[in-house]
Amino acid sequence: MRVIVCVKQVMDPEAPASSFKVDRENKRVIPPAGTPPVLSPFDENAVEAALRLKDENDAQVIVLSAGGKLSRPVVKKPLSAGADELFLVEGGEFEGMDAFSAARVLAMAIEKIGGFDVALTGRQAADWDEGVTGPFLAEALGVPCVTVARKITVQGDKVIVERVTDDGYEVVETKTPCLVTVSNDLGELRQITMPGIMQAKTKPVTEWKANDLGMGAPPESRIELTDLFAPERDTVCEMIEADGPEEAAQKLAEIIRAGCP
């Protein structure tokens, strides 16, 4: 069985908010100085799902990533966790792709890689949080799509998915090939070990440019970004003076009541 898992490099979402700067004129976020990028945490959930399928079905796990300037230590992390092979689609023309463009590029790369049984993505990316690249990719590949999985089981050509819902989960069944987006409910990526890091150095890494996929430029974006800015936050602090807790509580209640419509 062949499993392809798509991962995205993002700015570290755990970095302090004060470190993020926005270039409003060019409508882009300036990477925080001194803070290296990371794999989107939701994509790490997808890598863990792929590795569990490998443990249960002796699957081959292929990792695929596309972007402008990919950090090798970041995108090779799944290899250290146990993935078998890595494909990178890299070039300045892939910088800042919207979800539709990214899905088309990933689809072309997957078609070039060859057949697959299950394709996996995170439920959303940790930067834009749109959650649509996975379904767009399934549409481009012409395969069924099941979203926000907390558990995936493969039995022959049948894929059984426990799908997260607002009040629990539901069980969905489909057939291979298919695409599944993985929820953080599935669990975090397993711990990286030193033997895993050493083994990753011997695993194959294939690097492609736009010409290798038979494209002159990425597909045209379908999202028009009209403005990008950091919200302004005004903090107002009013001190309540009172002779005791009861009076303070009464004054606080009056202030809250006055602010309600």
Protein backbone atom coordinates (compact mmCIF):
# COMPACT_ATOMS: atom_id res chain seq x y z
CA MET A 1 0.00 0.00 0.00
CA ARG A 2 1.25 3.47 -0.88
CA VAL A 3 0.38 6.49 1.28
CA ILE A 4 1.19 10.04 0.19
CA VAL A 5 1.09 12.72 2.86
CA CYS A 6 1.28 16.41 1.92
CA VAL A 7 2.97 18.82 4.32
CA LYS A 8 3.41 22.58 4.40
CA GLN A 9 6.17 24.72 5.87
CA VAL A 10 4.78 27.63 7.90
CA MET A 11 5.95 30.34 10.26
CA ASP A 12 6.07 29.04 13.81
CA PRO A 13 2.56 29.61 15.25
CA GLU A 14 4.06 29.46 18.75
CA ALA A 15 6.23 32.52 18.13
CA PRO A 16 5.28 35.62 20.16
CA ALA A 17 2.58 37.72 18.48
CA SER A 18 4.79 40.78 18.83
CA SER A 19 7.35 39.18 16.48
CA PHE A 20 4.96 39.09 13.51
CA LYS A 21 5.11 42.04 11.15
CA VAL A 22 2.89 42.77 8.17
CA ASP A 23 4.00 44.42 4.94
CA ARG A 24 0.66 46.00 4.15
CA GLU A 25 1.78 47.47 0.83
CA ASN A 26 2.82 44.09 -0.57
CA LYS A 27 0.13 42.18 1.39
CA ARG A 28 2.43 39.69 3.04
CA VAL A 29 3.60 38.66 6.49
CA ILE A 30 7.27 39.24 7.23
CA PRO A 31 8.87 36.14 8.81
CA PRO A 32 9.96 36.76 12.41
CA ALA A 33 13.70 37.35 12.62
CA GLY A 34 15.55 34.53 14.33
CA THR A 35 12.51 32.23 14.40
CA PRO A 36 12.88 29.27 12.01
CA PRO A 37 9.86 27.88 10.14
CA VAL A 38 8.17 24.65 11.17
CA LEU A 39 5.89 22.03 9.68
CA SER A 40 2.26 22.96 10.09
CA PRO A 41 1.20 21.11 13.28
CA PHE A 42 -1.93 19.82 11.53
CA ASP A 43 0.28 18.28 8.84
CA GLU A 44 2.29 16.57 11.56
CA ASN A 45 -0.99 14.92 12.59
CA ALA A 46 -1.32 13.70 8.99
CA VAL A 47 2.25 12.33 9.06
CA GLU A 48 1.42 10.43 12.25
CA ALA A 49 -1.69 9.01 10.57
CA ALA A 50 0.45 7.83 7.65
CA LEU A 51 2.98 6.22 9.99
CA ARG A 52 0.20 4.37 11.83
CA LEU A 53 -1.00 3.01 8.49
CA LYS A 54 2.57 1.92 7.84
CA ASP A 55 2.72 0.15 11.20
CA GLU A 56 -0.60 -1.63 10.57
CA ASN A 57 -0.34 -2.38 6.84
CA ASP A 58 3.36 -2.28 5.99
CA ALA A 59 2.64 0.76 3.82
CA GLN A 60 5.14 2.89 1.93
CA VAL A 61 4.90 6.48 3.19
CA ILE A 62 5.82 9.22 0.72
CA VAL A 63 5.97 12.86 1.87
CA LEU A 64 5.31 15.71 -0.56
CA SER A 65 5.82 19.44 -0.04
CA ALA A 66 5.70 22.47 -2.34
CA GLY A 67 6.84 26.01 -1.67
CA GLY A 68 9.15 28.88 -2.43
CA LYS A 69 12.13 28.25 -0.19
CA LEU A 70 11.89 25.04 1.81
CA SER A 71 14.06 24.49 4.87
CA ARG A 72 15.59 21.05 4.55
CA PRO A 73 15.64 20.31 8.32
CA VAL A 74 11.93 21.19 8.46
CA VAL A 75 10.66 19.19 5.48
CA LYS A 76 12.90 16.22 6.31
CA LYS A 77 11.35 15.84 9.77
CA PRO A 78 8.82 13.21 8.57
CA LEU A 79 11.73 11.11 7.28
CA SER A 80 13.23 11.14 10.77
CA ALA A 81 9.86 10.06 12.18
CA GLY A 82 9.71 7.04 9.87
CA ALA A 83 8.51 8.13 6.41
CA ASP A 84 10.24 6.42 3.48
CA GLU A 85 10.71 9.03 0.77
CA LEU A 86 10.44 12.80 0.25
CA PHE A 87 9.47 14.80 -2.84
CA LEU A 88 9.94 18.57 -2.96
CA VAL A 89 8.49 21.00 -5.49
CA GLU A 90 10.42 24.21 -5.01
CA GLY A 91 10.87 27.57 -6.69
CA GLY A 92 10.15 31.26 -6.29
CA GLU A 93 7.04 30.88 -8.43
CA PHE A 94 5.51 28.69 -5.72
CA GLU A 95 5.82 31.37 -3.03
CA GLY A 96 2.51 32.60 -1.62
CA MET A 97 0.23 30.21 -3.51
CA ASP A 98 -3.44 30.21 -2.57
CA ALA A 99 -5.21 26.96 -1.69
CA PHE A 100 -6.40 26.33 -5.25
CA SER A 101 -2.94 26.83 -6.79
CA ALA A 102 -1.29 24.69 -4.12
CA ALA A 103 -3.79 21.89 -4.72
CA ARG A 104 -3.16 21.91 -8.47
CA VAL A 105 0.63 21.84 -7.99
CA LEU A 106 0.36 18.99 -5.47
CA ALA A 107 -1.96 17.09 -7.82
CA MET A 108 0.50 17.37 -10.69
CA ALA A 109 3.31 16.19 -8.43
CA ILE A 110 1.25 13.21 -7.20
CA GLU A 111 0.41 12.25 -10.78
CA LYS A 112 4.13 12.34 -11.60
CA ILE A 113 4.98 10.23 -8.54
CA GLY A 114 2.51 7.57 -9.68
CA GLY A 115 -0.39 5.68 -8.15
CA PHE A 116 -1.41 5.85 -4.51
CA ASP A 117 -3.95 4.25 -2.21
CA VAL A 118 -4.46 6.96 0.39
CA ALA A 119 -3.46 10.63 0.27
CA LEU A 120 -3.38 12.57 3.53
CA THR A 121 -3.30 16.25 4.48
CA GLY A 122 -3.80 18.16 7.70
CA ARG A 123 -7.30 19.41 8.40
CA GLN A 124 -6.03 22.96 7.70
CA ALA A 125 -2.78 24.89 7.54
CA ALA A 126 -1.60 26.69 10.66
CA ASP A 127 -1.02 29.97 8.83
CA TRP A 128 -4.25 30.78 6.90
CA ASP A 129 -6.50 28.18 8.58
CA GLU A 130 -8.72 27.84 5.49
CA GLY A 131 -9.05 24.06 5.52
CA VAL A 132 -9.79 23.77 1.80
CA THR A 133 -6.54 22.58 0.20
CA GLY A 134 -7.30 18.93 1.00
CA PRO A 135 -10.77 18.93 -0.62
CA PHE A 136 -9.42 20.96 -3.58
CA LEU A 137 -6.66 18.36 -4.00
CA ALA A 138 -9.16 15.49 -3.91
CA GLU A 139 -11.19 17.22 -6.61
CA ALA A 140 -8.08 17.71 -8.76
CA LEU A 141 -7.15 14.04 -8.35
CA GLY A 142 -10.72 12.88 -8.97
CA VAL A 143 -10.92 10.81 -5.77
CA PRO A 144 -13.33 10.71 -2.78
CA CYS A 145 -12.54 12.99 0.16
CA VAL A 146 -13.22 12.45 3.86
CA THR A 147 -12.41 15.34 6.22
CA VAL A 148 -11.31 15.77 9.87
CA ALA A 149 -10.42 12.15 10.59
CA ARG A 150 -9.49 11.06 14.08
CA LYS A 151 -8.81 7.45 13.07
CA ILE A 152 -8.15 5.72 9.75
CA THR A 153 -8.31 1.98 9.10
CA VAL A 154 -7.58 0.26 5.79
CA GLN A 155 -8.97 -3.17 4.99
CA GLY A 156 -8.04 -4.23 1.46
CA ASP A 157 -9.46 -1.57 -0.84
CA LYS A 158 -11.80 -0.29 1.88
CA VAL A 159 -10.95 2.76 4.02
CA ILE A 160 -12.87 3.26 7.27
CA VAL A 161 -12.64 6.72 8.83
CA GLU A 162 -13.82 7.98 12.19
CA ARG A 163 -14.78 11.58 11.41
CA VAL A 164 -14.90 14.27 14.10
CA THR A 165 -18.27 16.01 14.51
CA ASP A 166 -19.50 18.75 16.85
CA ASP A 167 -20.98 16.24 19.27
CA GLY A 168 -18.74 13.20 18.84
CA TYR A 169 -17.79 11.29 15.70
CA GLU A 170 -19.25 9.42 12.78
CA VAL A 171 -17.91 6.44 10.82
CA VAL A 172 -17.48 6.90 7.08
CA GLU A 173 -16.45 4.22 4.59
CA THR A 174 -14.94 4.72 1.15
CA LYS A 175 -12.64 2.92 -1.25
CA THR A 176 -9.09 3.48 -2.41
CA PRO A 177 -7.76 5.65 -3.87
CA CYS A 178 -9.05 8.42 -1.63
CA LEU A 179 -7.94 11.52 0.23
CA VAL A 180 -8.41 12.07 3.96
CA THR A 181 -7.77 15.26 5.92
CA VAL A 182 -6.55 14.51 9.44
CA SER A 183 -7.76 16.21 12.61
CA ASN A 184 -5.53 17.06 15.55
CA ASP A 185 -7.79 14.65 17.51
CA LEU A 186 -5.80 11.80 15.96
CA GLY A 187 -2.76 12.70 18.06
CA GLU A 188 0.64 14.33 17.85
CA LEU A 189 3.54 13.16 15.73
CA ARG A 190 5.57 10.49 17.47
CA GLN A 191 8.84 11.42 19.13
CA ILE A 192 11.87 11.72 16.86
CA THR A 193 14.74 9.44 17.88
CA MET A 194 18.45 9.67 17.14
CA PRO A 195 18.41 6.42 15.08
CA GLY A 196 15.52 7.90 13.10
CA ILE A 197 17.52 11.05 12.40
CA MET A 198 20.49 8.98 11.24
CA GLN A 199 18.32 6.78 9.01
CA ALA A 200 16.69 9.86 7.44
CA LYS A 201 20.04 10.85 5.95
CA THR A 202 20.02 7.74 3.75
CA LYS A 203 16.43 8.06 2.51
CA PRO A 204 15.73 9.32 -1.03
CA VAL A 205 14.85 12.98 -1.57
CA THR A 206 13.66 14.09 -5.02
CA GLU A 207 13.62 17.79 -5.90
CA TRP A 208 11.51 19.16 -8.75
CA LYS A 209 11.13 22.56 -10.38
CA ALA A 210 8.13 23.87 -12.31
CA ASN A 211 9.54 22.57 -15.61
CA ASP A 212 9.79 19.07 -14.15
CA LEU A 213 6.01 19.10 -13.71
CA GLY A 214 5.48 20.41 -17.22
CA MET A 215 4.32 23.85 -16.12
CA GLY A 216 5.67 27.28 -16.95
CA ALA A 217 4.04 28.84 -13.92
CA PRO A 218 1.70 27.73 -11.12
CA PRO A 219 -2.04 27.80 -11.84
CA GLU A 220 -3.60 31.23 -11.46
CA SER A 221 -4.81 32.11 -7.96
CA ARG A 222 -8.56 32.29 -7.42
CA ILE A 223 -8.38 34.31 -4.20
CA GLU A 224 -7.90 38.07 -4.43
CA LEU A 225 -6.26 39.46 -1.31
CA THR A 226 -7.52 43.04 -1.02
CA ASP A 227 -5.83 43.97 2.25
CA LEU A 228 -3.66 42.45 4.96
CA PHE A 229 -3.02 44.18 8.26
CA ALA A 230 -2.37 43.54 11.92
CA PRO A 231 -5.42 44.48 14.00
CA GLU A 232 -5.03 47.40 16.35
CA ARG A 233 -5.69 46.61 19.97
CA ASP A 234 -6.61 49.32 22.45
CA THR A 235 -6.55 48.38 26.11
CA VAL A 236 -8.60 50.48 28.52
CA CYS A 237 -8.21 49.99 32.25
CA GLU A 238 -10.56 51.63 34.74
CA MET A 239 -9.75 51.42 38.43
CA ILE A 240 -12.71 51.00 40.78
CA GLU A 241 -12.38 52.75 44.11
CA ALA A 242 -14.57 51.49 46.93
CA ASP A 243 -14.61 51.15 50.71
CA GLY A 244 -15.16 47.41 50.56
CA PRO A 245 -15.84 44.34 48.38
CA GLU A 246 -19.60 44.85 48.33
CA GLU A 247 -19.35 48.42 47.11
CA ALA A 248 -16.70 47.43 44.55
CA ALA A 249 -18.94 44.65 43.24
CA GLN A 250 -21.89 47.03 43.00
CA LYS A 251 -19.87 49.58 41.02
CA LEU A 252 -18.48 46.85 38.74
CA ALA A 253 -22.01 45.58 38.04
CA GLU A 254 -23.16 49.12 37.18
CA ILE A 255 -20.25 49.58 34.74
CA ILE A 256 -20.95 46.22 33.04
CA ARG A 257 -24.66 46.98 32.86
CA ALA A 258 -24.01 50.39 31.32
CA GLY A 259 -21.85 48.80 28.61
CA CYS A 260 -24.50 46.28 27.57
CA PRO A 261 -26.91 47.15 24.73
